[in-house]
C-alpha cells in the first residue's frame, strides 16, 4: 500500500464549544482571548512569510519521501491547468472546493481546457428544507455569541485520511486548494463547512491538491492553528455565500463506482502565480493572509460588483487578482478601511490598494473617466457656469445615458443641482444672515 501524508479535515464542533463555554461560566475556567489568538496567528504567518523559500524546499523534500504522491510545481495558472489536464487524461468532470486559488485563478482555464467544474459545496444544500435552512446553519456552526467563547476549541480535526481508497471510487477528478500544509511532514489541512471535501477525498479517482506557496507552514501545530483560525475569524463571512447556486449542482453521488481500477491517485501542485513576487515588490503583507475573508464581511462594494463574476470575493482577493492580471486595476475601492479593522493579522489593505493604484497610474496614466471623477470641483464649476441650463440638460435621457457610458454614474442617479453663485460668494455676500 502506497504511503501518503495525512489529509486532515477540520470541522466546527459546536457541542464542544458549548461545553467549554459552560465550563468558563460555571467553573471560572480561563478562556482564550481573541487578541491572544490574533497575536499568535500573526507570529506564525510572519514566520511562514519570512522563511517561505526554505519551507518550499523542505516541503518538496518531505513529499518526495511518500511513494503515493506525485509532485509538480506551477509558476502560473496556465502551467497548473496544463498539468491538471495531463493528469485527468480523458476525464473532464471535476469537483472543486471553494478555494480562491481554484475558483478565481484556475477555474477559467480549466473550463477553457474542456473541464466541467462544479462546486460540490453548494450541492450539499439540497439536504436543507426550505424555511429551516437558517436554523440548521446556526445550530451547526454554533453562531450565537461565538466570539465571546473559547473560539479555538470550537473547531477540531474530525476526519483523518492516511491512505488512498481502493473501492467506492468514481470517475471524476477533485481539484482542491489546501488551507494549510506542514513543511516538516507534509500533513495537509482543510476547513470543511459541509461534507464535500471528505467525500471528494474518499471518492474521486484522482485527487489534485493545489498548494499556494503562502499556505506552507513550519509544522503541524502551526498548520492546524492556521486552519482553525480560518474558521474562527471567517465564520460570519461564510454566511455571505450560503446561497444555493443551481448552476453548481451536480449529483456526484449518482456516479457509478469504478471496478477493476488500481485505486486513487494523489497529486500535489506547489503553486506560485505571482505570489513570490509579492515578497519583492512591496506587497509582502499579503502573505500574512489566511484567506478567512473576514475583510469581506463589511466591504460595501464586493458583493455588489463581483457577485456576478462568480469569484470568491474579498478585498484581498480583489487586490491580488489585479496584481496577477486577471482583474482590472483596483478602482472600485471606497477606502473605508473596514477590511483592515476586520483583518485578524492587521493587513493594511487600503494602503496596499492605494499603492497599486498609484503604480498603475504612473505606468498607464488615468482614464478619461477617472480624470473626470477625480476632479468633482471642476465639474461643479462647469455646471455652475452653465446653470440653470445644466440642470435642465442633466435630466435629459440622452445626457443620462452618456453620463453612464463615460463616467459609470448610473442613469437613474439624481445629480446635485448646480448654482451660478458659489458657496463662498454666498457666504461673503452676507445673504446667510
Protein backbone atom coordinates (compact mmCIF):
# COMPACT_ATOMS: atom_id res chain seq x y z
CA UNK A 1 0.00 0.00 0.00
CA UNK A 2 1.46 3.36 -1.10
CA UNK A 3 2.01 5.79 1.75
CA UNK A 4 0.72 9.37 1.68
CA UNK A 5 0.87 12.34 4.06
CA UNK A 6 -2.08 12.75 6.40
CA UNK A 7 -5.10 14.55 4.97
CA UNK A 8 -6.84 16.22 7.89
CA UNK A 9 -10.32 17.76 7.72
CA UNK A 10 -11.20 20.33 10.38
CA UNK A 11 -14.84 20.95 11.17
CA UNK A 12 -16.76 23.05 13.69
CA UNK A 13 -17.54 21.32 16.95
CA UNK A 14 -20.49 23.20 18.46
CA UNK A 15 -21.09 20.65 21.21
CA UNK A 16 -17.54 21.03 22.48
CA UNK A 17 -17.79 24.80 22.21
CA UNK A 18 -20.98 24.89 24.26
CA UNK A 19 -19.48 22.58 26.87
CA UNK A 20 -16.38 24.75 27.17
CA UNK A 21 -18.45 27.94 27.32
CA UNK A 22 -20.47 26.47 30.19
CA UNK A 23 -17.25 25.48 31.96
CA UNK A 24 -15.92 29.01 31.67
CA UNK A 25 -19.11 30.44 33.14
CA UNK A 26 -19.64 27.93 35.95
CA UNK A 27 -16.13 26.84 36.89
CA UNK A 28 -14.36 30.11 36.07
CA UNK A 29 -12.09 28.35 33.60
CA UNK A 30 -9.66 30.52 31.70
CA UNK A 31 -10.66 31.12 28.10
CA UNK A 32 -8.50 32.08 25.17
CA UNK A 33 -8.94 35.75 24.35
CA UNK A 34 -9.37 36.84 20.75
CA UNK A 35 -6.37 39.18 20.87
CA UNK A 36 -4.02 36.40 22.03
CA UNK A 37 -5.24 34.26 19.12
CA UNK A 38 -4.52 37.11 16.71
CA UNK A 39 -1.04 37.69 18.15
CA UNK A 40 -0.08 34.03 17.82
CA UNK A 41 -1.62 33.83 14.34
CA UNK A 42 0.36 36.83 13.11
CA UNK A 43 3.54 35.35 14.55
CA UNK A 44 3.19 32.05 12.67
CA UNK A 45 2.14 33.85 9.48
CA UNK A 46 5.21 36.13 9.69
CA UNK A 47 7.38 33.05 10.17
CA UNK A 48 5.81 31.44 7.08
CA UNK A 49 6.40 34.60 5.05
CA UNK A 50 9.97 35.21 6.19
CA UNK A 51 11.04 31.62 5.59
CA UNK A 52 8.97 30.84 2.52
CA UNK A 53 11.82 29.76 0.23
CA UNK A 54 13.25 27.30 2.73
CA UNK A 55 9.79 25.97 3.60
CA UNK A 56 9.06 25.27 -0.08
CA UNK A 57 12.32 23.37 -0.41
CA UNK A 58 11.68 21.42 2.79
CA UNK A 59 8.14 20.50 1.69
CA UNK A 60 9.32 19.25 -1.69
CA UNK A 61 11.90 17.04 0.01
CA UNK A 62 9.38 15.68 2.51
CA UNK A 63 6.69 14.95 -0.08
CA UNK A 64 9.28 13.16 -2.19
CA UNK A 65 9.53 10.51 0.54
CA UNK A 66 5.90 9.44 0.04
CA UNK A 67 5.60 6.92 -2.78
CA UNK A 68 1.85 7.57 -3.03
CA UNK A 69 2.24 11.22 -4.04
CA UNK A 70 3.20 12.77 -7.36
CA UNK A 71 4.60 16.30 -7.04
CA UNK A 72 4.69 19.15 -9.52
CA UNK A 73 5.37 22.89 -9.43
CA UNK A 74 3.47 25.53 -11.38
CA UNK A 75 4.74 29.05 -11.94
CA UNK A 76 1.34 30.30 -13.07
CA UNK A 77 -2.26 29.26 -13.69
CA UNK A 78 -1.55 28.17 -17.25
CA UNK A 79 1.10 25.68 -16.12
CA UNK A 80 -1.17 24.36 -13.38
CA UNK A 81 -4.10 23.82 -15.77
CA UNK A 82 -1.82 22.11 -18.29
CA UNK A 83 -0.57 19.71 -15.62
CA UNK A 84 -4.12 19.01 -14.39
CA UNK A 85 -5.23 18.31 -17.96
CA UNK A 86 -2.40 15.82 -18.30
CA UNK A 87 -3.30 14.12 -15.01
CA UNK A 88 -7.01 13.90 -15.82
CA UNK A 89 -6.38 12.25 -19.18
CA UNK A 90 -9.83 11.73 -20.72
CA UNK A 91 -11.79 12.67 -17.58
CA UNK A 92 -13.47 16.08 -17.87
CA UNK A 93 -15.74 16.03 -14.82
CA UNK A 94 -14.21 17.94 -11.90
CA UNK A 95 -15.31 18.71 -8.37
CA UNK A 96 -13.65 21.81 -6.93
CA UNK A 97 -13.66 23.31 -3.46
CA UNK A 98 -14.43 26.94 -2.63
CA UNK A 99 -10.79 27.97 -2.59
CA UNK A 100 -9.88 31.34 -4.04
CA UNK A 101 -6.94 29.70 -5.84
CA UNK A 102 -9.11 27.14 -7.59
CA UNK A 103 -12.21 29.27 -8.21
CA UNK A 104 -10.60 32.62 -9.01
CA UNK A 105 -7.33 31.63 -10.64
CA UNK A 106 -7.71 28.14 -12.10
CA UNK A 107 -11.37 27.67 -12.92
CA UNK A 108 -11.50 29.88 -16.05
CA UNK A 109 -8.53 27.99 -17.51
CA UNK A 110 -9.98 24.63 -16.51
CA UNK A 111 -13.25 25.42 -18.25
CA UNK A 112 -11.41 26.64 -21.34
CA UNK A 113 -9.49 23.34 -21.33
CA UNK A 114 -12.77 21.40 -21.51
CA UNK A 115 -13.43 20.60 -17.86
CA UNK A 116 -16.94 20.67 -16.43
CA UNK A 117 -16.33 22.10 -12.96
CA UNK A 118 -18.78 22.06 -10.07
CA UNK A 119 -18.53 23.43 -6.56
CA UNK A 120 -19.78 20.36 -4.72
CA UNK A 121 -20.10 22.52 -1.62
CA UNK A 122 -23.29 24.08 -2.99
CA UNK A 123 -24.76 20.69 -3.84
CA UNK A 124 -24.80 19.88 -0.13
CA UNK A 125 -27.57 22.46 0.36
CA UNK A 126 -30.08 20.06 -1.18
CA UNK A 127 -30.37 18.47 2.25
CA UNK A 128 -31.80 21.61 3.83
CA UNK A 129 -35.56 22.07 3.96
CA UNK A 130 -36.87 25.42 2.83
CA UNK A 131 -37.65 27.65 5.78
CA UNK A 132 -35.36 25.70 8.13
CA UNK A 133 -32.09 26.50 6.41
CA UNK A 134 -31.03 29.35 8.71
CA UNK A 135 -31.81 27.38 11.87
CA UNK A 136 -29.73 24.43 10.73
CA UNK A 137 -26.80 26.65 9.86
CA UNK A 138 -26.97 28.34 13.26
CA UNK A 139 -27.07 25.02 15.07
CA UNK A 140 -24.26 23.57 13.01
CA UNK A 141 -21.90 26.49 13.42
CA UNK A 142 -22.99 27.43 16.94
CA UNK A 143 -23.24 31.01 15.78
CA UNK A 144 -24.81 32.86 18.73
CA UNK A 145 -22.15 34.52 20.85
CA UNK A 146 -19.32 32.71 19.06
CA UNK A 147 -16.79 35.48 19.51
CA UNK A 148 -17.41 35.58 23.23
CA UNK A 149 -16.50 31.93 23.72
CA UNK A 150 -13.39 29.82 23.57
CA UNK A 151 -13.03 30.11 19.81
CA UNK A 152 -10.05 27.87 19.23
CA UNK A 153 -11.65 24.81 20.76
CA UNK A 154 -14.85 25.20 18.76
CA UNK A 155 -13.04 23.61 15.80
CA UNK A 156 -11.44 20.19 15.72
CA UNK A 157 -9.95 17.55 13.43
CA UNK A 158 -12.96 15.42 12.55
CA UNK A 159 -11.66 13.30 9.67
CA UNK A 160 -8.19 11.86 9.07
CA UNK A 161 -7.28 10.11 5.81
CA UNK A 162 -3.95 8.33 5.77
CA UNK A 163 -4.34 6.03 2.79
CA UNK A 164 -5.91 6.14 -0.65
CA UNK A 165 -9.14 4.31 -1.37
CA UNK A 166 -9.23 1.16 -3.47
CA UNK A 167 -13.04 0.87 -3.55
CA UNK A 168 -16.01 3.20 -3.86
CA UNK A 169 -14.10 5.28 -6.40
CA UNK A 170 -15.99 7.33 -9.01
CA UNK A 171 -14.85 8.64 -12.39
CA UNK A 172 -14.08 12.29 -11.72
CA UNK A 173 -11.19 14.44 -10.54
CA UNK A 174 -11.19 16.51 -7.35
CA UNK A 175 -9.22 19.76 -7.59
CA UNK A 176 -8.82 21.33 -4.17
CA UNK A 177 -6.88 24.25 -2.80
CA UNK A 178 -5.46 23.31 0.59
CA UNK A 179 -5.95 25.58 3.58
CA UNK A 180 -2.56 24.77 5.11
CA UNK A 181 0.25 22.22 4.81
CA UNK A 182 3.04 21.32 7.21
CA UNK A 183 6.55 21.51 5.77
CA UNK A 184 8.03 19.14 8.34
CA UNK A 185 5.89 16.10 7.45
CA UNK A 186 3.57 17.10 4.60
CA UNK A 187 0.32 16.88 6.60
CA UNK A 188 -2.47 18.67 4.73
CA UNK A 189 -5.32 20.56 6.42
CA UNK A 190 -8.75 21.51 5.11
CA UNK A 191 -11.52 23.51 6.77
CA UNK A 192 -14.81 21.84 5.83
CA UNK A 193 -18.18 23.58 6.02
CA UNK A 194 -20.34 20.73 4.79
CA UNK A 195 -19.12 17.25 3.77
CA UNK A 196 -17.90 17.92 0.22
CA UNK A 197 -14.17 17.74 0.94
CA UNK A 198 -14.35 14.45 2.83
CA UNK A 199 -16.46 12.91 0.07
CA UNK A 200 -14.04 14.05 -2.63
CA UNK A 201 -11.04 12.68 -0.73
CA UNK A 202 -12.80 9.33 -0.44
CA UNK A 203 -14.44 9.09 -3.87
CA UNK A 204 -12.50 10.97 -6.56
CA UNK A 205 -10.49 8.84 -8.95
CA UNK A 206 -7.74 11.45 -9.00
CA UNK A 207 -7.15 13.94 -6.21
CA UNK A 208 -5.22 17.07 -7.12
CA UNK A 209 -4.17 19.28 -4.21
CA UNK A 210 -3.13 22.82 -5.13
CA UNK A 211 -0.76 24.31 -2.54
CA UNK A 212 -0.37 28.07 -2.74
CA UNK A 213 3.16 28.79 -1.55
CA UNK A 214 1.82 31.03 1.22
CA UNK A 215 -0.06 28.04 2.67
CA UNK A 216 3.17 26.24 3.66
CA UNK A 217 3.79 26.42 7.40
CA UNK A 218 6.60 25.16 9.58
CA UNK A 219 4.90 22.27 11.37
CA UNK A 220 1.59 20.55 12.09
CA UNK A 221 0.82 22.73 15.08
CA UNK A 222 1.13 25.94 13.07
CA UNK A 223 -0.82 24.49 10.13
CA UNK A 224 -3.66 23.34 12.37
CA UNK A 225 -3.80 26.68 14.19
CA UNK A 226 -3.88 28.49 10.85
CA UNK A 227 -6.78 26.30 9.66
CA UNK A 228 -8.78 26.70 12.86
CA UNK A 229 -8.26 30.45 12.69
CA UNK A 230 -9.83 30.49 9.23
CA UNK A 231 -12.99 29.17 10.81
CA UNK A 232 -12.81 31.43 13.83
CA UNK A 233 -12.42 34.72 12.02
CA UNK A 234 -14.19 33.78 8.79
CA UNK A 235 -17.33 32.46 10.42
CA UNK A 236 -19.64 35.36 9.62
CA UNK A 237 -18.22 35.77 6.12
CA UNK A 238 -19.30 32.24 5.28
CA UNK A 239 -22.90 33.45 5.55
CA UNK A 240 -22.28 35.78 2.61
CA UNK A 241 -22.05 32.73 0.36
CA UNK A 242 -24.70 30.46 1.88
CA UNK A 243 -26.99 30.77 -1.12
CA UNK A 244 -27.54 27.63 -3.20
CA UNK A 245 -26.43 28.01 -6.83
CA UNK A 246 -28.31 25.73 -9.22
CA UNK A 247 -25.57 26.03 -11.82
CA UNK A 248 -23.16 24.37 -9.39
CA UNK A 249 -25.35 21.37 -8.65
CA UNK A 250 -24.18 18.01 -9.91
CA UNK A 251 -25.15 14.68 -8.40
CA UNK A 252 -21.74 13.13 -7.78
CA UNK A 253 -23.42 10.54 -5.55
CA UNK A 254 -25.22 9.06 -8.54
CA UNK A 255 -21.98 8.29 -10.41
CA UNK A 256 -21.35 4.55 -10.64
CA UNK A 257 -18.42 3.08 -8.75
CA UNK A 258 -15.47 2.06 -10.86
CA UNK A 259 -14.36 -1.55 -10.91
CA UNK A 260 -11.08 -3.09 -11.92
CA UNK A 261 -9.16 0.11 -11.28
CA UNK A 262 -5.84 0.48 -9.48
CA UNK A 263 -7.21 2.83 -6.85
CA UNK A 264 -6.97 6.56 -6.30
CA UNK A 265 -4.12 8.84 -7.33
CA UNK A 266 -2.86 11.76 -5.25
CA UNK A 267 -1.12 14.72 -6.87
CA UNK A 268 0.26 17.86 -5.25
CA UNK A 269 0.91 21.05 -7.21
CA UNK A 270 3.06 23.67 -5.47
CA UNK A 271 1.61 26.83 -6.96
CA UNK A 272 3.06 30.32 -7.27
CA UNK A 273 1.23 32.52 -9.82
CA UNK A 274 2.95 35.75 -8.81
CA UNK A 275 2.98 35.11 -5.08
CA UNK A 276 6.77 35.04 -4.78
CA UNK A 277 6.84 38.47 -6.44
CA UNK A 278 4.76 39.87 -3.58
CA UNK A 279 7.77 39.38 -1.33
CA UNK A 280 9.89 41.60 -3.57
CA UNK A 281 7.61 44.42 -4.73
CA UNK A 282 6.21 45.86 -1.51
CA UNK A 283 3.15 43.63 -1.11
CA UNK A 284 4.69 41.10 1.27
CA UNK A 285 1.99 41.71 3.89
CA UNK A 286 -0.47 39.89 1.61
CA UNK A 287 1.50 36.77 2.53
CA UNK A 288 0.14 37.10 6.07
CA UNK A 289 -3.41 36.50 4.85
CA UNK A 290 -5.07 33.25 5.97
CA UNK A 291 -7.99 33.63 3.50
CA UNK A 292 -10.59 33.74 6.24
CA UNK A 293 -12.32 36.52 4.27
CA UNK A 294 -13.17 38.44 7.41
CA UNK A 295 -12.31 41.53 5.38
CA UNK A 296 -15.27 40.81 3.09
CA UNK A 297 -17.78 40.93 5.92
CA UNK A 298 -18.38 44.68 5.84
CA UNK A 299 -16.93 45.58 2.45
CA UNK A 300 -19.52 47.93 0.87
CA UNK A 301 -18.72 47.11 -2.77
CA UNK A 302 -17.64 43.48 -3.12
CA UNK A 303 -20.96 41.68 -3.06
CA UNK A 304 -22.46 44.20 -5.48
CA UNK A 305 -19.67 44.47 -8.04
CA UNK A 306 -18.16 40.99 -8.06
CA UNK A 307 -21.06 38.72 -7.17
CA UNK A 308 -21.96 38.09 -10.80
CA UNK A 309 -18.36 37.21 -11.66
CA UNK A 310 -18.54 34.02 -9.62
CA UNK A 311 -15.34 34.79 -7.76
CA UNK A 312 -14.54 34.11 -4.13
CA UNK A 313 -14.54 37.77 -3.14
CA UNK A 314 -12.60 39.62 -0.51
CA UNK A 315 -10.75 42.95 -0.70
CA UNK A 316 -7.50 41.00 -0.51
CA UNK A 317 -8.56 38.73 -3.40
CA UNK A 318 -9.58 41.81 -5.36
CA UNK A 319 -6.13 43.34 -4.92
CA UNK A 320 -4.33 40.05 -5.58
CA UNK A 321 -6.35 39.44 -8.74
CA UNK A 322 -5.42 42.87 -10.02
CA UNK A 323 -1.72 42.30 -9.30
CA UNK A 324 -1.92 38.91 -11.04
CA UNK A 325 -3.60 40.47 -14.07
CA UNK A 326 -6.92 38.61 -14.20
CA UNK A 327 -8.84 41.58 -12.75
CA UNK A 328 -8.70 45.19 -13.96
CA UNK A 329 -6.82 47.83 -11.95
CA UNK A 330 -8.24 48.43 -8.47
CA UNK A 331 -10.51 51.44 -8.89
CA UNK A 332 -13.77 50.48 -7.16
CA UNK A 333 -12.45 50.52 -3.57
CA UNK A 334 -14.04 53.23 -1.39
CA UNK A 335 -11.10 53.19 1.07
CA UNK A 336 -13.47 52.99 4.02
CA UNK A 337 -10.90 50.95 5.97
CA UNK A 338 -13.32 48.30 7.23
CA UNK A 339 -11.19 45.49 5.77
CA UNK A 340 -8.20 46.41 7.93
CA UNK A 341 -10.39 46.68 11.03
CA UNK A 342 -11.73 43.16 10.47
CA UNK A 343 -8.40 41.55 9.48
CA UNK A 344 -7.12 39.23 12.27
CA UNK A 345 -3.49 39.82 11.24
CA UNK A 346 -3.93 43.58 10.67
CA UNK A 347 -3.04 43.77 6.97
CA UNK A 348 -3.29 47.39 5.82
CA UNK A 349 -5.21 46.55 2.66
CA UNK A 350 -6.39 50.14 1.96
CA UNK A 351 -2.78 51.40 1.80
CA UNK A 352 -1.78 48.48 -0.45
CA UNK A 353 -4.70 49.29 -2.76
CA UNK A 354 -3.59 52.93 -2.89
CA UNK A 355 -0.09 51.71 -3.76
CA UNK A 356 -1.42 49.51 -6.58
CA UNK A 357 -3.49 52.40 -7.94
CA UNK A 358 -0.58 54.85 -7.93
CA UNK A 359 1.68 52.32 -9.64
CA UNK A 360 -0.94 51.71 -12.31
CA UNK A 361 -1.49 55.42 -12.97
CA UNK A 362 2.26 56.06 -13.06
CA UNK A 363 2.69 53.38 -15.72
CA UNK A 364 -0.51 53.67 -17.77
CA UNK A 365 -1.95 57.05 -16.84
CA UNK A 366 -5.52 57.79 -15.76
CA UNK A 367 -8.51 57.14 -17.98
CA UNK A 368 -10.83 59.97 -19.03
CA UNK A 369 -13.48 58.61 -16.69
CA UNK A 370 -11.04 58.58 -13.81
CA UNK A 371 -9.87 62.11 -14.54
CA UNK A 372 -13.44 63.38 -14.56
CA UNK A 373 -14.45 61.67 -11.33
CA UNK A 374 -11.21 62.64 -9.59
CA UNK A 375 -11.94 66.33 -10.09
CA UNK A 376 -15.52 66.96 -8.92
CA UNK A 377 -14.70 70.63 -8.20
CA UNK A 378 -14.07 71.24 -11.91
CA UNK A 379 -17.32 69.53 -12.86
CA UNK A 380 -19.16 71.62 -10.28
CA UNK A 381 -17.64 74.86 -11.63
CA UNK A 382 -18.55 73.99 -15.22
CA UNK A 383 -22.07 73.03 -14.20
CA UNK A 384 -22.42 76.22 -12.18
CA UNK A 385 -21.34 78.43 -15.06
CA UNK A 386 -23.98 76.86 -17.28
CA UNK A 387 -26.77 76.89 -14.68
CA UNK A 388 -29.75 76.72 -14.97
CA UNK A 389 -29.25 75.23 -18.45
CA UNK A 390 -27.01 72.48 -16.98
CA UNK A 391 -29.76 71.43 -14.55
CA UNK A 392 -32.17 71.00 -17.46
CA UNK A 393 -29.65 69.09 -19.55
CA UNK A 394 -28.68 66.52 -16.90
CA UNK A 395 -32.32 65.42 -16.75
CA UNK A 396 -32.43 64.56 -20.46
CA UNK A 397 -32.42 60.85 -21.26
CA UNK A 398 -29.60 61.11 -23.81
CA UNK A 399 -27.40 63.02 -21.33
CA UNK A 400 -28.10 60.47 -18.61
CA UNK A 401 -27.07 57.64 -20.95
CA UNK A 402 -23.88 59.46 -21.99
CA UNK A 403 -23.05 60.16 -18.33
CA UNK A 404 -23.39 56.47 -17.51
CA UNK A 405 -21.31 55.50 -20.54
CA UNK A 406 -18.41 57.85 -19.84
CA UNK A 407 -18.39 58.04 -16.05
CA UNK A 408 -20.28 54.92 -14.83
CA UNK A 409 -22.66 57.19 -12.89
CA UNK A 410 -25.96 55.34 -13.22
CA UNK A 411 -28.57 56.88 -15.48
CA UNK A 412 -31.16 56.76 -12.69
CA UNK A 413 -28.96 58.68 -10.25
CA UNK A 414 -30.15 62.08 -9.05
CA UNK A 415 -27.30 64.51 -9.59
CA UNK A 416 -26.93 67.59 -7.37
CA UNK A 417 -28.38 70.85 -8.59
CA UNK A 418 -25.93 73.41 -10.00
CA UNK A 419 -25.97 77.10 -8.98
CA UNK A 420 -24.20 80.06 -10.51
CA UNK A 421 -23.45 81.51 -7.09
CA UNK A 422 -20.77 79.56 -5.22
CA UNK A 423 -20.97 78.88 -1.52
CA UNK A 424 -18.04 81.26 -0.92
CA UNK A 425 -19.75 84.05 -2.82
CA UNK A 426 -22.99 83.38 -0.95
CA UNK A 427 -21.19 83.50 2.40
CA UNK A 428 -19.21 86.64 1.57
CA UNK A 429 -22.34 88.39 0.39
CA UNK A 430 -23.93 88.10 3.80
CA UNK A 431 -27.20 86.71 2.48
CA UNK A 432 -27.00 83.96 5.06
CA UNK A 433 -27.78 86.36 7.92
